[in-house]
Amino acid sequence: MDKRRELKLALLLGGIFVGLYYLPVGQERFDNALTEALELTKWYAREHVVLCLLPAFWLAGGIAAFVSQASVMRHLGPKAPKPVAYGVGAVSGTILAVCSCTVLPLFAGIYRMGAGLGPATAFLYSGPAINALAIILTAKVLGAQIGIARAVGAVVFSVVIGLLMAFFFRREEQAKAAKAAQMPEVPPGRPLWETGSFFAVMVGILVFSNWGTSDKGGFFAIVYGIKWWITGLLAIAFGLMLWRWYRLSGWRIALVGAAVAVVLLISGGHPTWAFFTGIVGLAWLTAGRSDESGEWFDQTWSYTKQIMPLLLGGVLVAGLLLGRPGHEGLIPSGWIGQSVGGNSLGANVFASVAGALMYFATLTEVPILQGLLGNGMGSGPALALLLAGPALSLPNMLVINSIIGPKKTATYVLLVVVMATLSGWLYGIFF
């Protein structure tokens, strides 16, 4: 018997017992925090899992199944030209414009396929941070000055953080590059234009199905009004590609399309259930096959098993501690409001750390900050929160840790928080 192991187990069980024995059930704040944890998780499951996460899992699985490792290494690997690698990382994230959780399966996909740590983390930051609609909304609601500062800061952050991550872990990156150099060049299974078109359609479905509205009108509001028509046309093109290029059964694809149409009618035009039906249909089309489509399903399911429990658990904890926007968890929201007034270094640190822990759905950070600014929040801490909040969250950190390990995760989080703090502090001094 391992006495040390048994002692640790005994202490763990004892700690759990003491915690349950003194559980403050019945106290208003604790009971409310439990409700907030469940409410936030329920909202996340309804608003983000079907339309955001599930397509992202299929995209990540597609990268693993259909994109050669040599191709990833050539454009994003440690030895790739820096302007190409970091340009691709930052621009790809900008195009996707997803939240801090949806970007995670895609980050895992490119990193495990051989992308360098620097370009991969540039992509990881840029995806949720460089969101055109969010930046425009920031400028319209909070002022052009802070909107421009957010845009410039986010672009610079994505590249600088990537370069610093590559520098800090350069030995591991050199070893990865040396190992990749020994791998034989595998010829692509199909023309590049086919693979590119396939992924472009998948990205289009992800982007347009999650297109946010804008009460200010203009281009974004117009696209929002027709986003489901665009998504539907892309889904038809996707089905044709699966039939012609990936040799999936035509009658099965037609059956899935019919099922989506029926669900759309039965649900009274509710797109989420129809979208979910299409996702389940895609699993039915690909699961159990012995070709590359079967590999696609296997890779997608692998990412889902790894990431989904951590995300849902992280959202539950975030709701327990901080509550939903406009509601309180165990930590009183008044503490946050009192700690971000003025432009002291401490206020900027607090804003960066609070933003890093909270979960912000795309665009929700703008009205939250509007309320905090109205209650005395300094402009510097506001920018610090804008630069740290959308790119990080407690669920996001848990998943990143499972992909790159605690040391790299801690370094990435620290870089985001420190850079957001210094940027906010300097912005507050000059503006």
Protein backbone atom coordinates (compact mmCIF):
# COMPACT_ATOMS: atom_id res chain seq x y z
CA MET A 1 0.00 0.00 0.00
CA ASP A 2 1.30 3.45 -0.95
CA LYS A 3 0.91 5.36 2.35
CA ARG A 4 1.42 8.80 0.80
CA ARG A 5 -1.22 8.15 -1.84
CA GLU A 6 -3.66 6.84 0.75
CA LEU A 7 -3.00 9.87 2.99
CA LYS A 8 -3.76 12.25 0.10
CA LEU A 9 -6.96 10.35 -0.64
CA ALA A 10 -7.99 10.50 3.03
CA LEU A 11 -7.32 14.25 3.19
CA LEU A 12 -9.30 14.79 -0.03
CA LEU A 13 -12.28 12.83 1.29
CA GLY A 14 -12.04 14.66 4.62
CA GLY A 15 -11.98 18.02 2.88
CA ILE A 16 -15.01 17.13 0.78
CA PHE A 17 -16.88 16.00 3.89
CA VAL A 18 -16.08 19.21 5.81
CA GLY A 19 -17.10 21.31 2.82
CA LEU A 20 -20.43 19.51 2.49
CA TYR A 21 -20.99 19.64 6.28
CA TYR A 22 -20.64 23.43 6.35
CA LEU A 23 -22.24 24.07 2.97
CA PRO A 24 -24.06 27.43 3.35
CA VAL A 25 -27.33 26.23 1.84
CA GLY A 26 -30.13 28.60 2.76
CA GLN A 27 -27.99 31.74 2.71
CA GLU A 28 -29.31 34.12 0.08
CA ARG A 29 -26.00 34.83 -1.68
CA PHE A 30 -25.02 31.17 -1.89
CA ASP A 31 -28.44 30.04 -3.15
CA ASN A 32 -28.48 32.89 -5.67
CA ALA A 33 -24.97 31.95 -6.85
CA LEU A 34 -26.07 28.36 -7.46
CA THR A 35 -29.01 29.66 -9.49
CA GLU A 36 -26.68 31.93 -11.47
CA ALA A 37 -24.31 29.03 -12.19
CA LEU A 38 -27.16 26.96 -13.60
CA GLU A 39 -28.70 29.90 -15.46
CA LEU A 40 -25.40 30.81 -17.13
CA THR A 41 -24.77 27.19 -18.11
CA LYS A 42 -28.32 26.88 -19.47
CA TRP A 43 -27.90 30.09 -21.47
CA TYR A 44 -24.52 28.90 -22.78
CA ALA A 45 -25.97 25.55 -23.83
CA ARG A 46 -28.83 27.25 -25.67
CA GLU A 47 -26.92 30.09 -27.32
CA HIS A 48 -23.46 28.73 -28.02
CA VAL A 49 -23.24 24.95 -28.15
CA VAL A 50 -25.33 24.20 -31.24
CA LEU A 51 -24.48 27.18 -33.45
CA CYS A 52 -20.90 27.84 -32.29
CA LEU A 53 -19.19 24.87 -30.69
CA LEU A 54 -20.54 21.98 -32.76
CA PRO A 55 -19.57 23.55 -36.12
CA ALA A 56 -16.18 24.44 -34.61
CA PHE A 57 -15.64 20.79 -33.60
CA TRP A 58 -16.39 19.65 -37.17
CA LEU A 59 -14.02 22.30 -38.52
CA ALA A 60 -11.25 21.16 -36.17
CA GLY A 61 -11.91 17.53 -37.09
CA GLY A 62 -11.76 18.47 -40.76
CA ILE A 63 -8.36 20.10 -40.29
CA ALA A 64 -7.05 16.89 -38.73
CA ALA A 65 -8.62 14.62 -41.35
CA PHE A 66 -8.30 16.54 -44.62
CA VAL A 67 -5.35 18.95 -44.24
CA SER A 68 -1.88 17.46 -44.49
CA GLN A 69 0.53 18.11 -41.64
CA ALA A 70 3.13 19.23 -44.18
CA SER A 71 0.76 21.96 -45.39
CA VAL A 72 0.14 23.23 -41.86
CA MET A 73 3.88 23.19 -41.14
CA ARG A 74 4.62 25.06 -44.37
CA HIS A 75 2.33 27.98 -43.51
CA LEU A 76 2.14 27.96 -39.69
CA GLY A 77 5.06 25.82 -38.53
CA PRO A 78 8.04 27.01 -36.44
CA LYS A 79 10.20 27.32 -39.57
CA ALA A 80 7.58 29.08 -41.70
CA PRO A 81 8.39 32.70 -42.68
CA LYS A 82 7.20 34.91 -39.83
CA PRO A 83 5.19 37.36 -41.98
CA VAL A 84 3.33 34.41 -43.51
CA ALA A 85 2.84 32.45 -40.27
CA TYR A 86 1.72 35.35 -38.10
CA GLY A 87 -0.21 36.97 -40.93
CA VAL A 88 -2.18 33.76 -41.52
CA GLY A 89 -2.73 33.30 -37.76
CA ALA A 90 -4.02 36.83 -37.20
CA VAL A 91 -6.07 37.10 -40.41
CA SER A 92 -7.69 33.67 -39.91
CA GLY A 93 -8.85 34.70 -36.46
CA THR A 94 -10.18 37.99 -37.81
CA ILE A 95 -12.26 36.22 -40.46
CA LEU A 96 -13.78 33.79 -37.96
CA ALA A 97 -14.57 36.43 -35.28
CA VAL A 98 -15.68 33.82 -32.75
CA CYS A 99 -15.90 33.89 -28.95
CA SER A 100 -13.15 32.75 -26.58
CA CYS A 101 -14.63 29.23 -26.35
CA THR A 102 -15.53 28.58 -29.99
CA VAL A 103 -11.95 29.30 -31.11
CA LEU A 104 -10.58 26.51 -28.89
CA PRO A 105 -11.31 23.45 -31.08
CA LEU A 106 -9.79 25.26 -34.06
CA PHE A 107 -6.71 26.21 -32.04
CA ALA A 108 -6.36 22.60 -30.90
CA GLY A 109 -6.68 21.40 -34.49
CA ILE A 110 -3.95 23.56 -36.02
CA TYR A 111 -1.60 23.18 -33.03
CA ARG A 112 -1.77 19.39 -33.02
CA MET A 113 -1.28 19.32 -36.78
CA GLY A 114 2.10 21.01 -36.35
CA ALA A 115 1.48 24.76 -36.24
CA GLY A 116 4.14 26.68 -34.32
CA LEU A 117 3.21 27.84 -30.83
CA GLY A 118 3.63 31.49 -31.87
CA PRO A 119 1.29 31.50 -34.90
CA ALA A 120 -1.17 29.21 -33.07
CA THR A 121 -1.43 31.57 -30.07
CA ALA A 122 -1.69 34.56 -32.43
CA PHE A 123 -4.72 32.79 -33.92
CA LEU A 124 -6.01 31.91 -30.43
CA TYR A 125 -5.99 35.58 -29.39
CA SER A 126 -7.11 37.12 -32.68
CA GLY A 127 -10.22 34.94 -33.12
CA PRO A 128 -12.28 36.42 -30.28
CA ALA A 129 -10.40 39.75 -29.92
CA ILE A 130 -10.36 41.07 -33.51
CA ASN A 131 -14.07 41.09 -34.23
CA ALA A 132 -15.06 43.74 -36.78
CA LEU A 133 -18.64 44.11 -35.53
CA ALA A 134 -17.53 44.28 -31.88
CA ILE A 135 -14.94 46.96 -32.65
CA ILE A 136 -17.45 49.02 -34.67
CA LEU A 137 -20.03 48.67 -31.89
CA THR A 138 -17.40 49.72 -29.34
CA ALA A 139 -16.65 52.86 -31.34
CA LYS A 140 -20.34 53.75 -31.75
CA VAL A 141 -21.38 53.09 -28.15
CA LEU A 142 -18.25 53.93 -26.14
CA GLY A 143 -16.63 56.44 -28.49
CA ALA A 144 -14.38 56.38 -31.55
CA GLN A 145 -11.24 56.89 -29.44
CA ILE A 146 -11.60 53.71 -27.41
CA GLY A 147 -12.86 51.80 -30.48
CA ILE A 148 -9.69 52.66 -32.42
CA ALA A 149 -7.54 51.85 -29.38
CA ARG A 150 -9.23 48.46 -29.08
CA ALA A 151 -8.70 47.69 -32.77
CA VAL A 152 -5.03 48.68 -32.78
CA GLY A 153 -4.35 46.99 -29.45
CA ALA A 154 -5.97 43.71 -30.51
CA VAL A 155 -3.98 43.48 -33.77
CA VAL A 156 -0.70 44.31 -32.03
CA PHE A 157 -1.46 41.92 -29.15
CA SER A 158 -2.07 38.94 -31.43
CA VAL A 159 1.33 39.29 -33.11
CA VAL A 160 3.36 40.31 -30.03
CA ILE A 161 1.90 37.57 -27.82
CA GLY A 162 2.59 34.99 -30.53
CA LEU A 163 6.19 36.17 -30.96
CA LEU A 164 6.81 36.15 -27.20
CA MET A 165 5.31 32.67 -26.77
CA ALA A 166 7.56 31.37 -29.56
CA PHE A 167 10.58 33.05 -27.92
CA PHE A 168 9.91 31.77 -24.39
CA PHE A 169 9.45 28.19 -25.60
CA ARG A 170 11.93 28.32 -28.50
CA ARG A 171 13.71 25.09 -27.52
CA GLU A 172 10.51 23.07 -27.76
CA GLU A 173 9.68 24.79 -31.02
CA GLN A 174 13.09 23.97 -32.45
CA ALA A 175 12.64 20.32 -31.48
CA LYS A 176 9.20 20.29 -33.13
CA ALA A 177 10.65 21.80 -36.30
CA ALA A 178 13.48 19.26 -36.39
CA LYS A 179 11.03 16.40 -35.97
CA ALA A 180 8.76 17.76 -38.69
CA ALA A 181 11.70 18.08 -41.10
CA GLN A 182 12.13 14.30 -40.96
CA MET A 183 8.55 13.65 -42.02
CA PRO A 184 8.03 12.63 -45.66
CA GLU A 185 6.04 14.95 -47.89
CA VAL A 186 2.57 13.48 -48.36
CA PRO A 187 0.89 14.47 -51.64
CA PRO A 188 -2.56 16.06 -51.20
CA GLY A 189 -5.49 13.69 -51.65
CA ARG A 190 -7.46 16.19 -53.75
CA PRO A 191 -6.88 19.54 -55.47
CA LEU A 192 -6.16 22.47 -53.19
CA TRP A 193 -9.11 24.44 -54.56
CA GLU A 194 -11.51 21.67 -53.51
CA THR A 195 -10.18 21.54 -49.95
CA GLY A 196 -10.12 25.34 -49.77
CA SER A 197 -13.71 25.61 -51.02
CA PHE A 198 -14.87 22.95 -48.57
CA PHE A 199 -13.39 24.75 -45.57
CA ALA A 200 -14.56 28.14 -46.85
CA VAL A 201 -18.15 26.86 -46.91
CA MET A 202 -17.80 25.42 -43.38
CA VAL A 203 -16.36 28.71 -42.10
CA GLY A 204 -19.17 30.58 -43.86
CA ILE A 205 -21.79 28.44 -42.11
CA LEU A 206 -20.12 29.10 -38.74
CA VAL A 207 -19.80 32.86 -39.34
CA PHE A 208 -23.22 33.61 -40.79
CA SER A 209 -25.21 31.39 -38.42
CA ASN A 210 -23.67 33.39 -35.54
CA TRP A 211 -23.86 36.80 -37.20
CA GLY A 212 -24.86 39.36 -34.57
CA THR A 213 -27.34 42.14 -35.06
CA SER A 214 -26.73 45.85 -34.83
CA ASP A 215 -29.40 48.35 -33.82
CA LYS A 216 -27.41 51.04 -35.63
CA GLY A 217 -28.38 49.75 -39.08
CA GLY A 218 -25.92 49.57 -41.95
CA PHE A 219 -24.17 46.60 -43.54
CA PHE A 220 -24.15 44.36 -40.45
CA ALA A 221 -27.89 44.84 -39.87
CA ILE A 222 -28.64 44.05 -43.54
CA VAL A 223 -26.63 40.83 -43.42
CA TYR A 224 -28.29 39.91 -40.12
CA GLY A 225 -31.68 40.13 -41.80
CA ILE A 226 -30.73 37.55 -44.43
CA LYS A 227 -28.18 35.50 -42.50
CA TRP A 228 -30.28 32.30 -42.43
CA TRP A 229 -30.86 32.47 -46.19
CA ILE A 230 -27.09 32.72 -46.68
CA THR A 231 -26.52 29.89 -44.19
CA GLY A 232 -29.08 27.73 -45.99
CA LEU A 233 -27.46 28.27 -49.39
CA LEU A 234 -24.06 27.42 -47.92
CA ALA A 235 -25.54 24.27 -46.35
CA ILE A 236 -26.85 23.17 -49.78
CA ALA A 237 -23.39 23.75 -51.29
CA PHE A 238 -21.90 21.79 -48.37
CA GLY A 239 -24.21 18.85 -49.07
CA LEU A 240 -23.27 18.85 -52.77
CA MET A 241 -19.57 18.81 -51.85
CA LEU A 242 -20.10 15.87 -49.50
CA TRP A 243 -21.82 13.99 -52.32
CA ARG A 244 -19.50 14.81 -55.23
CA TRP A 245 -16.09 15.16 -53.58
CA TYR A 246 -16.31 12.98 -50.47
CA ARG A 247 -18.45 10.24 -52.01
CA LEU A 248 -21.10 10.22 -49.29
CA SER A 249 -24.46 8.66 -50.14
CA GLY A 250 -26.63 11.01 -52.17
CA TRP A 251 -29.93 9.64 -50.87
CA ARG A 252 -28.71 9.90 -47.27
CA ILE A 253 -27.69 13.52 -47.80
CA ALA A 254 -31.11 14.22 -49.35
CA LEU A 255 -32.79 12.52 -46.37
CA VAL A 256 -30.86 14.72 -43.93
CA GLY A 257 -31.87 17.80 -45.94
CA ALA A 258 -35.52 16.73 -45.84
CA ALA A 259 -35.29 16.15 -42.07
CA VAL A 260 -33.87 19.66 -41.60
CA ALA A 261 -36.75 21.13 -43.62
CA VAL A 262 -39.36 19.16 -41.64
CA VAL A 263 -37.88 20.23 -38.29
CA LEU A 264 -37.81 23.83 -39.48
CA LEU A 265 -41.54 23.64 -40.29
CA ILE A 266 -42.49 21.80 -37.09
CA SER A 267 -40.53 24.22 -34.89
CA GLY A 268 -42.21 27.22 -36.48
CA GLY A 269 -39.08 28.37 -38.29
CA HIS A 270 -36.76 28.04 -35.27
CA PRO A 271 -33.32 27.71 -36.91
CA THR A 272 -31.43 26.24 -33.93
CA TRP A 273 -33.32 22.92 -33.96
CA ALA A 274 -32.96 22.66 -37.74
CA PHE A 275 -29.25 23.38 -37.41
CA PHE A 276 -28.91 20.72 -34.71
CA THR A 277 -30.72 18.23 -36.95
CA GLY A 278 -28.20 18.93 -39.68
CA ILE A 279 -25.30 18.33 -37.25
CA VAL A 280 -26.79 15.01 -36.12
CA GLY A 281 -27.36 14.10 -39.76
CA LEU A 282 -23.72 14.81 -40.56
CA ALA A 283 -22.68 12.46 -37.76
CA TRP A 284 -25.00 9.78 -39.21
CA LEU A 285 -23.44 10.26 -42.64
CA THR A 286 -19.82 9.91 -41.48
CA ALA A 287 -19.73 7.71 -38.35
CA GLY A 288 -18.42 4.18 -38.75
CA ARG A 289 -16.90 4.66 -42.20
CA SER A 290 -13.40 3.38 -42.95
CA ASP A 291 -12.42 6.22 -45.31
CA GLU A 292 -11.37 9.82 -44.69
CA SER A 293 -14.97 10.80 -43.87
CA GLY A 294 -14.93 8.27 -41.03
CA GLU A 295 -11.62 9.74 -39.86
CA TRP A 296 -13.28 13.18 -39.93
CA PHE A 297 -16.01 11.96 -37.58
CA ASP A 298 -13.48 10.26 -35.27
CA GLN A 299 -11.37 13.42 -34.99
CA THR A 300 -14.45 15.57 -34.39
CA TRP A 301 -15.70 13.24 -31.65
CA SER A 302 -12.23 13.24 -30.06
CA TYR A 303 -12.22 17.05 -29.77
CA THR A 304 -15.79 17.04 -28.48
CA LYS A 305 -14.99 14.55 -25.71
CA GLN A 306 -11.95 16.50 -24.60
CA ILE A 307 -13.24 20.06 -24.76
CA MET A 308 -16.98 20.01 -24.09
CA PRO A 309 -16.89 18.80 -20.43
CA LEU A 310 -14.18 21.33 -19.54
CA LEU A 311 -16.10 24.19 -21.15
CA LEU A 312 -19.41 23.38 -19.49
CA GLY A 313 -17.68 22.85 -16.13
CA GLY A 314 -15.83 26.14 -16.52
CA VAL A 315 -19.01 28.03 -17.40
CA LEU A 316 -20.69 26.53 -14.33
CA VAL A 317 -17.86 27.72 -12.04
CA ALA A 318 -17.75 31.15 -13.72
CA GLY A 319 -21.49 31.55 -13.12
CA LEU A 320 -21.12 30.49 -9.49
CA LEU A 321 -18.37 33.04 -8.83
CA LEU A 322 -19.39 35.98 -11.02
CA GLY A 323 -22.97 35.32 -12.19
CA ARG A 324 -24.44 36.39 -15.50
CA PRO A 325 -24.06 39.93 -16.89
CA GLY A 326 -26.25 42.13 -14.72
CA HIS A 327 -26.51 39.51 -11.95
CA GLU A 328 -24.34 38.52 -9.01
CA GLY A 329 -22.61 35.29 -8.05
CA LEU A 330 -20.59 34.68 -4.90
CA ILE A 331 -18.41 37.72 -5.70
CA PRO A 332 -20.44 40.94 -5.32
CA SER A 333 -20.53 42.99 -8.51
CA GLY A 334 -20.08 46.09 -6.36
CA TRP A 335 -16.53 45.00 -5.61
CA ILE A 336 -15.75 45.09 -9.30
CA GLY A 337 -17.37 48.49 -9.80
CA GLN A 338 -15.48 49.99 -6.83
CA SER A 339 -12.14 48.57 -7.97
CA VAL A 340 -12.02 49.96 -11.52
CA GLY A 341 -12.52 53.67 -10.87
CA GLY A 342 -9.82 56.10 -11.94
CA ASN A 343 -6.69 55.04 -13.79
CA SER A 344 -4.40 53.63 -11.13
CA LEU A 345 -2.20 50.67 -11.99
CA GLY A 346 -4.20 48.61 -9.48
CA ALA A 347 -7.50 49.49 -11.21
CA ASN A 348 -6.08 48.37 -14.56
CA VAL A 349 -4.71 45.15 -13.08
CA PHE A 350 -8.10 44.41 -11.51
CA ALA A 351 -9.94 45.13 -14.77
CA SER A 352 -7.60 42.84 -16.72
CA VAL A 353 -7.85 39.98 -14.22
CA ALA A 354 -11.62 40.31 -13.87
CA GLY A 355 -12.01 40.39 -17.64
CA ALA A 356 -9.77 37.32 -17.98
CA LEU A 357 -11.94 35.31 -15.57
CA MET A 358 -15.39 36.41 -16.75
CA TYR A 359 -17.09 34.82 -19.74
CA PHE A 360 -18.17 37.32 -22.40
CA ALA A 361 -20.32 36.19 -25.28
CA THR A 362 -19.56 38.08 -28.50
CA LEU A 363 -20.64 41.77 -28.22
CA THR A 364 -21.87 41.51 -24.60
CA GLU A 365 -18.76 43.24 -23.29
CA VAL A 366 -19.87 46.55 -24.85
CA PRO A 367 -23.15 47.10 -22.92
CA ILE A 368 -21.49 45.80 -19.73
CA LEU A 369 -18.72 48.37 -20.07
CA GLN A 370 -21.24 51.07 -20.93
CA GLY A 371 -22.88 50.46 -17.55
CA LEU A 372 -19.55 50.35 -15.68
CA LEU A 373 -18.35 53.58 -17.33
CA GLY A 374 -21.60 55.23 -16.28
CA ASN A 375 -20.85 54.17 -12.70
CA GLY A 376 -17.36 55.67 -12.61
CA MET A 377 -15.09 53.18 -14.35
CA GLY A 378 -11.96 54.80 -15.77
CA SER A 379 -11.27 54.78 -19.51
CA GLY A 380 -7.96 52.97 -18.98
CA PRO A 381 -9.45 50.01 -17.07
CA ALA A 382 -12.25 49.90 -19.68
CA LEU A 383 -9.70 49.37 -22.47
CA ALA A 384 -7.82 46.85 -20.33
CA LEU A 385 -11.00 44.83 -19.89
CA LEU A 386 -11.78 45.08 -23.63
CA LEU A 387 -8.35 43.68 -24.52
CA ALA A 388 -8.31 40.87 -21.95
CA GLY A 389 -11.98 39.92 -21.58
CA PRO A 390 -13.07 38.68 -25.02
CA ALA A 391 -9.87 36.64 -25.50
CA LEU A 392 -9.87 34.88 -22.13
CA SER A 393 -12.32 33.31 -19.70
CA LEU A 394 -12.17 30.69 -16.97
CA PRO A 395 -13.62 27.96 -19.26
CA ASN A 396 -11.20 29.03 -21.99
CA MET A 397 -8.19 28.66 -19.67
CA LEU A 398 -9.19 25.15 -18.58
CA VAL A 399 -9.30 23.95 -22.18
CA ILE A 400 -6.06 25.70 -23.22
CA ASN A 401 -4.36 23.97 -20.31
CA SER A 402 -5.51 20.58 -21.61
CA ILE A 403 -4.05 21.38 -25.05
CA ILE A 404 -0.66 23.01 -24.36
CA GLY A 405 -0.09 22.29 -20.66
CA PRO A 406 -0.03 24.46 -17.51
CA LYS A 407 3.30 26.22 -18.14
CA LYS A 408 2.40 27.54 -21.60
CA THR A 409 -1.14 28.34 -20.48
CA ALA A 410 0.08 30.37 -17.49
CA THR A 411 2.52 32.24 -19.75
CA TYR A 412 -0.18 33.02 -22.32
CA VAL A 413 -2.66 34.24 -19.69
CA LEU A 414 0.03 36.32 -17.96
CA LEU A 415 1.04 37.94 -21.25
CA VAL A 416 -2.55 38.88 -22.06
CA VAL A 417 -3.18 40.29 -18.56
CA VAL A 418 0.12 42.22 -18.35
CA MET A 419 -0.19 43.69 -21.84
CA ALA A 420 -3.84 44.63 -21.28
CA THR A 421 -2.93 46.26 -17.95
CA LEU A 422 -0.08 48.33 -19.40
CA SER A 423 -2.11 49.31 -22.47
CA GLY A 424 -5.05 50.43 -20.34
CA TRP A 425 -2.81 52.35 -17.94
CA LEU A 426 -1.00 54.20 -20.76
CA TYR A 427 -4.29 54.91 -22.55
CA GLY A 428 -5.72 56.36 -19.33
CA ILE A 429 -2.69 58.64 -18.91
CA PHE A 430 -2.84 60.11 -22.41
CA PHE A 431 -6.61 60.07 -22.96
